[in-house]
Amino acid sequence: MGTGKDVWEIIATVRDNDGDAAETARYFEIPLGLVRWPGCRQAVRLLLDELLAPAVARELRERGHDVLAIADHPGWAALSTPR
């Protein structure tokens, strides 16, 4: 089940709500279990696009997220997606 929201939207809203995950879940009308804050590891690793700085991935990892950044792996940049 997805939320239809980008991860950054949920993170920003949790921050705006002083870390209150329940308030964020009510705001987006989604189950509380989909708002995992702080430091909850997701079941799926997040892979950041090569246009995002590796510092973004480091910051997310420090907050407990399972994240890889394409920019941290030069051999991965500009690989095409199989069709």
PDB file of N, CA and C in Angstrom:
ATOM      1  N   MET A   1       0.837  -1.181   0.000  1.00  0.00           N
ATOM      2  CA  MET A   1       0.000   0.000   0.000  1.00  0.00           C
ATOM      3  C   MET A   1       0.877   1.237   0.000  1.00  0.00           C
ATOM      4  N   GLY A   2       0.702   2.079  -0.968  1.00  0.00           N
ATOM      5  CA  GLY A   2       1.449   3.321  -1.009  1.00  0.00           C
ATOM      6  C   GLY A   2       0.632   4.471  -0.454  1.00  0.00           C
ATOM      7  N   THR A   3       1.289   5.595  -0.305  1.00  0.00           N
ATOM      8  CA  THR A   3       0.605   6.760   0.236  1.00  0.00           C
ATOM      9  C   THR A   3       0.230   7.752  -0.844  1.00  0.00           C
ATOM     10  N   GLY A   4       0.867   7.642  -2.016  1.00  0.00           N
ATOM     11  CA  GLY A   4       0.672   8.639  -3.054  1.00  0.00           C
ATOM     12  C   GLY A   4       1.488   9.900  -2.801  1.00  0.00           C
ATOM     13  N   LYS A   5       2.259   9.891  -1.725  1.00  0.00           N
ATOM     14  CA  LYS A   5       3.086  11.035  -1.353  1.00  0.00           C
ATOM     15  C   LYS A   5       4.547  10.673  -1.530  1.00  0.00           C
ATOM     16  N   ASP A   6       5.362  11.679  -1.817  1.00  0.00           N
ATOM     17  CA  ASP A   6       6.801  11.467  -1.860  1.00  0.00           C
ATOM     18  C   ASP A   6       7.329  11.375  -0.437  1.00  0.00           C
ATOM     19  N   VAL A   7       8.426  10.646  -0.272  1.00  0.00           N
ATOM     20  CA  VAL A   7       9.030  10.477   1.052  1.00  0.00           C
ATOM     21  C   VAL A   7       9.337  11.827   1.677  1.00  0.00           C
ATOM     22  N   TRP A   8       9.849  12.765   0.889  1.00  0.00           N
ATOM     23  CA  TRP A   8      10.206  14.072   1.447  1.00  0.00           C
ATOM     24  C   TRP A   8       8.994  14.792   2.011  1.00  0.00           C
ATOM     25  N   GLU A   9       7.811  14.574   1.411  1.00  0.00           N
ATOM     26  CA  GLU A   9       6.605  15.229   1.912  1.00  0.00           C
ATOM     27  C   GLU A   9       6.243  14.718   3.306  1.00  0.00           C
ATOM     28  N   ILE A  10       6.372  13.412   3.488  1.00  0.00           N
ATOM     29  CA  ILE A  10       6.051  12.830   4.789  1.00  0.00           C
ATOM     30  C   ILE A  10       7.069  13.272   5.828  1.00  0.00           C
ATOM     31  N   ILE A  11       8.359  13.240   5.463  1.00  0.00           N
ATOM     32  CA  ILE A  11       9.403  13.663   6.402  1.00  0.00           C
ATOM     33  C   ILE A  11       9.203  15.121   6.797  1.00  0.00           C
ATOM     34  N   ALA A  12       8.948  15.987   5.826  1.00  0.00           N
ATOM     35  CA  ALA A  12       8.755  17.410   6.126  1.00  0.00           C
ATOM     36  C   ALA A  12       7.546  17.624   7.022  1.00  0.00           C
ATOM     37  N   THR A  13       6.494  16.857   6.793  1.00  0.00           N
ATOM     38  CA  THR A  13       5.291  17.019   7.607  1.00  0.00           C
ATOM     39  C   THR A  13       5.516  16.525   9.029  1.00  0.00           C
ATOM     40  N   VAL A  14       6.252  15.433   9.187  1.00  0.00           N
ATOM     41  CA  VAL A  14       6.591  14.973  10.534  1.00  0.00           C
ATOM     42  C   VAL A  14       7.386  16.055  11.254  1.00  0.00           C
ATOM     43  N   ARG A  15       8.341  16.640  10.567  1.00  0.00           N
ATOM     44  CA  ARG A  15       9.138  17.728  11.172  1.00  0.00           C
ATOM     45  C   ARG A  15       8.241  18.900  11.546  1.00  0.00           C
ATOM     46  N   ASP A  16       7.330  19.279  10.646  1.00  0.00           N
ATOM     47  CA  ASP A  16       6.417  20.386  10.928  1.00  0.00           C
ATOM     48  C   ASP A  16       5.523  20.102  12.133  1.00  0.00           C
ATOM     49  N   ASN A  17       5.269  18.822  12.378  1.00  0.00           N
ATOM     50  CA  ASN A  17       4.431  18.409  13.506  1.00  0.00           C
ATOM     51  C   ASN A  17       5.269  18.030  14.726  1.00  0.00           C
ATOM     52  N   ASP A  18       6.484  18.572  14.812  1.00  0.00           N
ATOM     53  CA  ASP A  18       7.381  18.330  15.957  1.00  0.00           C
ATOM     54  C   ASP A  18       7.602  16.834  16.227  1.00  0.00           C
ATOM     55  N   GLY A  19       7.708  16.051  15.157  1.00  0.00           N
ATOM     56  CA  GLY A  19       7.988  14.628  15.300  1.00  0.00           C
ATOM     57  C   GLY A  19       6.780  13.770  15.614  1.00  0.00           C
ATOM     58  N   ASP A  20       5.599  14.334  15.563  1.00  0.00           N
ATOM     59  CA  ASP A  20       4.374  13.599  15.900  1.00  0.00           C
ATOM     60  C   ASP A  20       3.901  12.785  14.696  1.00  0.00           C
ATOM     61  N   ALA A  21       4.241  11.495  14.691  1.00  0.00           N
ATOM     62  CA  ALA A  21       3.886  10.620  13.572  1.00  0.00           C
ATOM     63  C   ALA A  21       2.376  10.435  13.481  1.00  0.00           C
ATOM     64  N   ALA A  22       1.696  10.360  14.629  1.00  0.00           N
ATOM     65  CA  ALA A  22       0.241  10.165  14.630  1.00  0.00           C
ATOM     66  C   ALA A  22      -0.464  11.352  13.964  1.00  0.00           C
ATOM     67  N   GLU A  23      -0.015  12.564  14.268  1.00  0.00           N
ATOM     68  CA  GLU A  23      -0.604  13.751  13.650  1.00  0.00           C
ATOM     69  C   GLU A  23      -0.357  13.754  12.147  1.00  0.00           C
ATOM     70  N   THR A  24       0.828  13.326  11.741  1.00  0.00           N
ATOM     71  CA  THR A  24       1.155  13.257  10.316  1.00  0.00           C
ATOM     72  C   THR A  24       0.265  12.238   9.608  1.00  0.00           C
ATOM     73  N   ALA A  25       0.064  11.091  10.233  1.00  0.00           N
ATOM     74  CA  ALA A  25      -0.806  10.067   9.651  1.00  0.00           C
ATOM     75  C   ALA A  25      -2.234  10.594   9.497  1.00  0.00           C
ATOM     76  N   ARG A  26      -2.718  11.315  10.506  1.00  0.00           N
ATOM     77  CA  ARG A  26      -4.065  11.907  10.409  1.00  0.00           C
ATOM     78  C   ARG A  26      -4.120  12.935   9.279  1.00  0.00           C
ATOM     79  N   TYR A  27      -3.091  13.759   9.172  1.00  0.00           N
ATOM     80  CA  TYR A  27      -3.048  14.791   8.135  1.00  0.00           C
ATOM     81  C   TYR A  27      -3.147  14.185   6.737  1.00  0.00           C
ATOM     82  N   PHE A  28      -2.374  13.122   6.494  1.00  0.00           N
ATOM     83  CA  PHE A  28      -2.366  12.487   5.176  1.00  0.00           C
ATOM     84  C   PHE A  28      -3.463  11.436   5.013  1.00  0.00           C
ATOM     85  N   GLU A  29      -4.177  11.155   6.125  1.00  0.00           N
ATOM     86  CA  GLU A  29      -5.217  10.123   6.118  1.00  0.00           C
ATOM     87  C   GLU A  29      -4.650   8.774   5.675  1.00  0.00           C
ATOM     88  N   ILE A  30      -3.533   8.411   6.304  1.00  0.00           N
ATOM     89  CA  ILE A  30      -2.880   7.133   6.033  1.00  0.00           C
ATOM     90  C   ILE A  30      -2.659   6.412   7.360  1.00  0.00           C
ATOM     91  N   PRO A  31      -2.468   5.080   7.327  1.00  0.00           N
ATOM     92  CA  PRO A  31      -2.218   4.344   8.565  1.00  0.00           C
ATOM     93  C   PRO A  31      -0.941   4.816   9.251  1.00  0.00           C
ATOM     94  N   LEU A  32      -0.971   4.835  10.559  1.00  0.00           N
ATOM     95  CA  LEU A  32       0.191   5.255  11.337  1.00  0.00           C
ATOM     96  C   LEU A  32       1.426   4.432  10.982  1.00  0.00           C
ATOM     97  N   GLY A  33       1.241   3.164  10.669  1.00  0.00           N
ATOM     98  CA  GLY A  33       2.363   2.293  10.325  1.00  0.00           C
ATOM     99  C   GLY A  33       3.149   2.748   9.104  1.00  0.00           C
ATOM    100  N   LEU A  34       2.543   3.587   8.263  1.00  0.00           N
ATOM    101  CA  LEU A  34       3.242   4.090   7.086  1.00  0.00           C
ATOM    102  C   LEU A  34       4.072   5.328   7.388  1.00  0.00           C
ATOM    103  N   VAL A  35       3.893   5.882   8.581  1.00  0.00           N
ATOM    104  CA  VAL A  35       4.689   7.038   9.008  1.00  0.00           C
ATOM    105  C   VAL A  35       5.654   6.522  10.058  1.00  0.00           C
ATOM    106  N   ARG A  36       6.840   6.204   9.643  1.00  0.00           N
ATOM    107  CA  ARG A  36       7.821   5.584  10.530  1.00  0.00           C
ATOM    108  C   ARG A  36       8.869   6.602  10.908  1.00  0.00           C
ATOM    109  N   TRP A  37       8.801   7.057  12.134  1.00  0.00           N
ATOM    110  CA  TRP A  37       9.699   8.119  12.579  1.00  0.00           C
ATOM    111  C   TRP A  37       9.959   7.965  14.042  1.00  0.00           C
ATOM    112  N   PRO A  38      11.111   8.217  14.569  1.00  0.00           N
ATOM    113  CA  PRO A  38      12.373   8.391  13.867  1.00  0.00           C
ATOM    114  C   PRO A  38      13.125   7.073  13.746  1.00  0.00           C
ATOM    115  N   GLY A  39      14.008   6.990  12.819  1.00  0.00           N
ATOM    116  CA  GLY A  39      14.980   5.917  12.708  1.00  0.00           C
ATOM    117  C   GLY A  39      14.466   4.527  12.402  1.00  0.00           C
ATOM    118  N   CYS A  40      13.287   4.407  11.873  1.00  0.00           N
ATOM    119  CA  CYS A  40      12.784   3.073  11.549  1.00  0.00           C
ATOM    120  C   CYS A  40      13.320   2.654  10.187  1.00  0.00           C
ATOM    121  N   ARG A  41      13.841   1.445  10.117  1.00  0.00           N
ATOM    122  CA  ARG A  41      14.372   0.942   8.845  1.00  0.00           C
ATOM    123  C   ARG A  41      13.233   0.374   8.013  1.00  0.00           C
ATOM    124  N   GLN A  42      13.184   0.770   6.784  1.00  0.00           N
ATOM    125  CA  GLN A  42      12.156   0.297   5.873  1.00  0.00           C
ATOM    126  C   GLN A  42      12.528  -1.088   5.345  1.00  0.00           C
ATOM    127  N   ALA A  43      11.538  -1.796   4.857  1.00  0.00           N
ATOM    128  CA  ALA A  43      11.769  -3.114   4.293  1.00  0.00           C
ATOM    129  C   ALA A  43      12.436  -3.024   2.920  1.00  0.00           C
ATOM    130  N   VAL A  44      12.352  -1.880   2.271  1.00  0.00           N
ATOM    131  CA  VAL A  44      12.920  -1.686   0.942  1.00  0.00           C
ATOM    132  C   VAL A  44      13.979  -0.594   1.013  1.00  0.00           C
ATOM    133  N   ARG A  45      15.121  -0.873   0.446  1.00  0.00           N
ATOM    134  CA  ARG A  45      16.201   0.119   0.428  1.00  0.00           C
ATOM    135  C   ARG A  45      15.865   1.234  -0.556  1.00  0.00           C
ATOM    136  N   LEU A  46      16.173   2.452  -0.151  1.00  0.00           N
ATOM    137  CA  LEU A  46      15.966   3.618  -1.000  1.00  0.00           C
ATOM    138  C   LEU A  46      17.222   3.851  -1.824  1.00  0.00           C
ATOM    139  N   LEU A  47      17.064   4.008  -3.120  1.00  0.00           N
ATOM    140  CA  LEU A  47      18.180   4.274  -4.018  1.00  0.00           C
ATOM    141  C   LEU A  47      18.007   5.684  -4.565  1.00  0.00           C
ATOM    142  N   LEU A  48      18.937   6.579  -4.195  1.00  0.00           N
ATOM    143  CA  LEU A  48      18.836   7.976  -4.613  1.00  0.00           C
ATOM    144  C   LEU A  48      19.438   8.185  -5.994  1.00  0.00           C
ATOM    145  N   ASP A  49      18.749   8.951  -6.790  1.00  0.00           N
ATOM    146  CA  ASP A  49      19.165   9.300  -8.144  1.00  0.00           C
ATOM    147  C   ASP A  49      20.561   9.909  -8.145  1.00  0.00           C
ATOM    148  N   GLU A  50      21.269   9.763  -9.254  1.00  0.00           N
ATOM    149  CA  GLU A  50      22.632  10.282  -9.354  1.00  0.00           C
ATOM    150  C   GLU A  50      22.706  11.806  -9.279  1.00  0.00           C
ATOM    151  N   LEU A  51      21.590  12.495  -9.449  1.00  0.00           N
ATOM    152  CA  LEU A  51      21.587  13.951  -9.358  1.00  0.00           C
ATOM    153  C   LEU A  51      21.550  14.453  -7.919  1.00  0.00           C
ATOM    154  N   LEU A  52      21.266  13.568  -6.973  1.00  0.00           N
ATOM    155  CA  LEU A  52      21.240  13.955  -5.565  1.00  0.00           C
ATOM    156  C   LEU A  52      22.608  13.747  -4.937  1.00  0.00           C
ATOM    157  N   ALA A  53      22.996  14.663  -4.104  1.00  0.00           N
ATOM    158  CA  ALA A  53      24.313  14.608  -3.469  1.00  0.00           C
ATOM    159  C   ALA A  53      24.393  13.432  -2.495  1.00  0.00           C
ATOM    160  N   PRO A  54      25.557  12.791  -2.405  1.00  0.00           N
ATOM    161  CA  PRO A  54      25.736  11.701  -1.443  1.00  0.00           C
ATOM    162  C   PRO A  54      25.452  12.142  -0.006  1.00  0.00           C
ATOM    163  N   ALA A  55      25.582  13.430   0.274  1.00  0.00           N
ATOM    164  CA  ALA A  55      25.298  13.929   1.623  1.00  0.00           C
ATOM    165  C   ALA A  55      23.843  13.680   2.017  1.00  0.00           C
ATOM    166  N   VAL A  56      22.948  13.682   1.047  1.00  0.00           N
ATOM    167  CA  VAL A  56      21.538  13.404   1.334  1.00  0.00           C
ATOM    168  C   VAL A  56      21.406  11.970   1.844  1.00  0.00           C
ATOM    169  N   ALA A  57      22.070  11.037   1.193  1.00  0.00           N
ATOM    170  CA  ALA A  57      22.030   9.637   1.624  1.00  0.00           C
ATOM    171  C   ALA A  57      22.653   9.485   3.004  1.00  0.00           C
ATOM    172  N   ARG A  58      23.766  10.150   3.237  1.00  0.00           N
ATOM    173  CA  ARG A  58      24.414  10.069   4.563  1.00  0.00           C
ATOM    174  C   ARG A  58      23.481  10.581   5.654  1.00  0.00           C
ATOM    175  N   GLU A  59      22.823  11.690   5.394  1.00  0.00           N
ATOM    176  CA  GLU A  59      21.893  12.266   6.378  1.00  0.00           C
ATOM    177  C   GLU A  59      20.748  11.292   6.673  1.00  0.00           C
ATOM    178  N   LEU A  60      20.205  10.694   5.625  1.00  0.00           N
ATOM    179  CA  LEU A  60      19.119   9.736   5.822  1.00  0.00           C
ATOM    180  C   LEU A  60      19.596   8.498   6.574  1.00  0.00           C
ATOM    181  N   ARG A  61      20.816   8.022   6.257  1.00  0.00           N
ATOM    182  CA  ARG A  61      21.361   6.861   6.985  1.00  0.00           C
ATOM    183  C   ARG A  61      21.550   7.191   8.463  1.00  0.00           C
ATOM    184  N   GLU A  62      22.016   8.412   8.758  1.00  0.00           N
ATOM    185  CA  GLU A  62      22.188   8.820  10.152  1.00  0.00           C
ATOM    186  C   GLU A  62      20.862   8.821  10.900  1.00  0.00           C
ATOM    187  N   ARG A  63      19.776   8.984  10.166  1.00  0.00           N
ATOM    188  CA  ARG A  63      18.444   8.979  10.769  1.00  0.00           C
ATOM    189  C   ARG A  63      17.832   7.584  10.784  1.00  0.00           C
ATOM    190  N   GLY A  64      18.637   6.588  10.375  1.00  0.00           N
ATOM    191  CA  GLY A  64      18.192   5.203  10.488  1.00  0.00           C
ATOM    192  C   GLY A  64      17.586   4.594   9.240  1.00  0.00           C
ATOM    193  N   HIS A  65      17.638   5.308   8.114  1.00  0.00           N
ATOM    194  CA  HIS A  65      17.057   4.778   6.884  1.00  0.00           C
ATOM    195  C   HIS A  65      18.092   3.973   6.101  1.00  0.00           C
ATOM    196  N   ASP A  66      17.615   2.995   5.358  1.00  0.00           N
ATOM    197  CA  ASP A  66      18.470   2.149   4.535  1.00  0.00           C
ATOM    198  C   ASP A  66      18.542   2.782   3.147  1.00  0.00           C
ATOM    199  N   VAL A  67      19.637   3.509   2.875  1.00  0.00           N
ATOM    200  CA  VAL A  67      19.732   4.330   1.665  1.00  0.00           C
ATOM    201  C   VAL A  67      21.072   4.121   0.968  1.00  0.00           C
ATOM    202  N   LEU A  68      21.024   4.061  -0.351  1.00  0.00           N
ATOM    203  CA  LEU A  68      22.221   4.082  -1.190  1.00  0.00           C
ATOM    204  C   LEU A  68      22.091   5.272  -2.142  1.00  0.00           C
ATOM    205  N   ALA A  69      23.210   5.866  -2.476  1.00  0.00           N
ATOM    206  CA  ALA A  69      23.215   6.956  -3.445  1.00  0.00           C
ATOM    207  C   ALA A  69      24.008   6.531  -4.670  1.00  0.00           C
ATOM    208  N   ILE A  70      23.420   6.703  -5.832  1.00  0.00           N
ATOM    209  CA  ILE A  70      24.117   6.386  -7.078  1.00  0.00           C
ATOM    210  C   ILE A  70      25.451   7.127  -7.121  1.00  0.00           C
ATOM    211  N   ALA A  71      25.475   8.376  -6.649  1.00  0.00           N
ATOM    212  CA  ALA A  71      26.696   9.193  -6.698  1.00  0.00           C
ATOM    213  C   ALA A  71      27.831   8.596  -5.862  1.00  0.00           C
ATOM    214  N   ASP A  72      27.507   7.728  -4.908  1.00  0.00           N
ATOM    215  CA  ASP A  72      28.540   7.053  -4.108  1.00  0.00           C
ATOM    216  C   ASP A  72      29.175   5.884  -4.864  1.00  0.00           C
ATOM    217  N   HIS A  73      28.590   5.509  -5.995  1.00  0.00           N
ATOM    218  CA  HIS A  73      29.044   4.354  -6.769  1.00  0.00           C
ATOM    219  C   HIS A  73      29.234   4.783  -8.225  1.00  0.00           C
ATOM    220  N   PRO A  74      30.401   5.323  -8.573  1.00  0.00           N
ATOM    221  CA  PRO A  74      30.620   5.876  -9.910  1.00  0.00           C
ATOM    222  C   PRO A  74      30.280   4.919 -11.052  1.00  0.00           C
ATOM    223  N   GLY A  75      30.458   3.643 -10.859  1.00  0.00           N
ATOM    224  CA  GLY A  75      30.160   2.686 -11.926  1.00  0.00           C
ATOM    225  C   GLY A  75      28.670   2.538 -12.197  1.00  0.00           C
ATOM    226  N   TRP A  76      27.836   3.025 -11.298  1.00  0.00           N
ATOM    227  CA  TRP A  76      26.379   2.908 -11.478  1.00  0.00           C
ATOM    228  C   TRP A  76      25.807   4.076 -12.246  1.00  0.00           C
ATOM    229  N   ALA A  77      26.496   5.194 -12.294  1.00  0.00           N
ATOM    230  CA  ALA A  77      25.956   6.399 -12.924  1.00  0.00           C
ATOM    231  C   ALA A  77      25.675   6.172 -14.404  1.00  0.00           C
ATOM    232  N   ALA A  78      24.593   6.705 -14.874  1.00  0.00           N
ATOM    233  CA  ALA A  78      24.207   6.698 -16.289  1.00  0.00           C
ATOM    234  C   ALA A  78      23.969   5.301 -16.861  1.00  0.00           C
ATOM    235  N   LEU A  79      23.704   4.319 -15.997  1.00  0.00           N
ATOM    236  CA  LEU A  79      23.330   3.005 -16.516  1.00  0.00           C
ATOM    237  C   LEU A  79      21.898   3.081 -17.015  1.00  0.00           C
ATOM    238  N   SER A  80      21.630   2.429 -18.113  1.00  0.00           N
ATOM    239  CA  SER A  80      20.269   2.452 -18.631  1.00  0.00           C
ATOM    240  C   SER A  80      19.400   1.447 -17.890  1.00  0.00           C
ATOM    241  N   THR A  81      18.121   1.702 -17.915  1.00  0.00           N
ATOM    242  CA  THR A  81      17.157   0.807 -17.306  1.00  0.00           C
ATOM    243  C   THR A  81      16.785  -0.261 -18.319  1.00  0.00           C
ATOM    244  N   PRO A  82      16.842  -1.545 -17.926  1.00  0.00           N
ATOM    245  CA  PRO A  82      16.448  -2.607 -18.865  1.00  0.00           C
ATOM    246  C   PRO A  82      14.992  -2.452 -19.267  1.00  0.00           C
ATOM    247  N   ARG A  83      14.689  -2.705 -20.511  1.00  0.00           N
ATOM    248  CA  ARG A  83      13.300  -2.589 -20.997  1.00  0.00           C
ATOM    249  C   ARG A  83      12.717  -3.906 -21.318  1.00  0.00           C
TER     250      ARG A  83
END
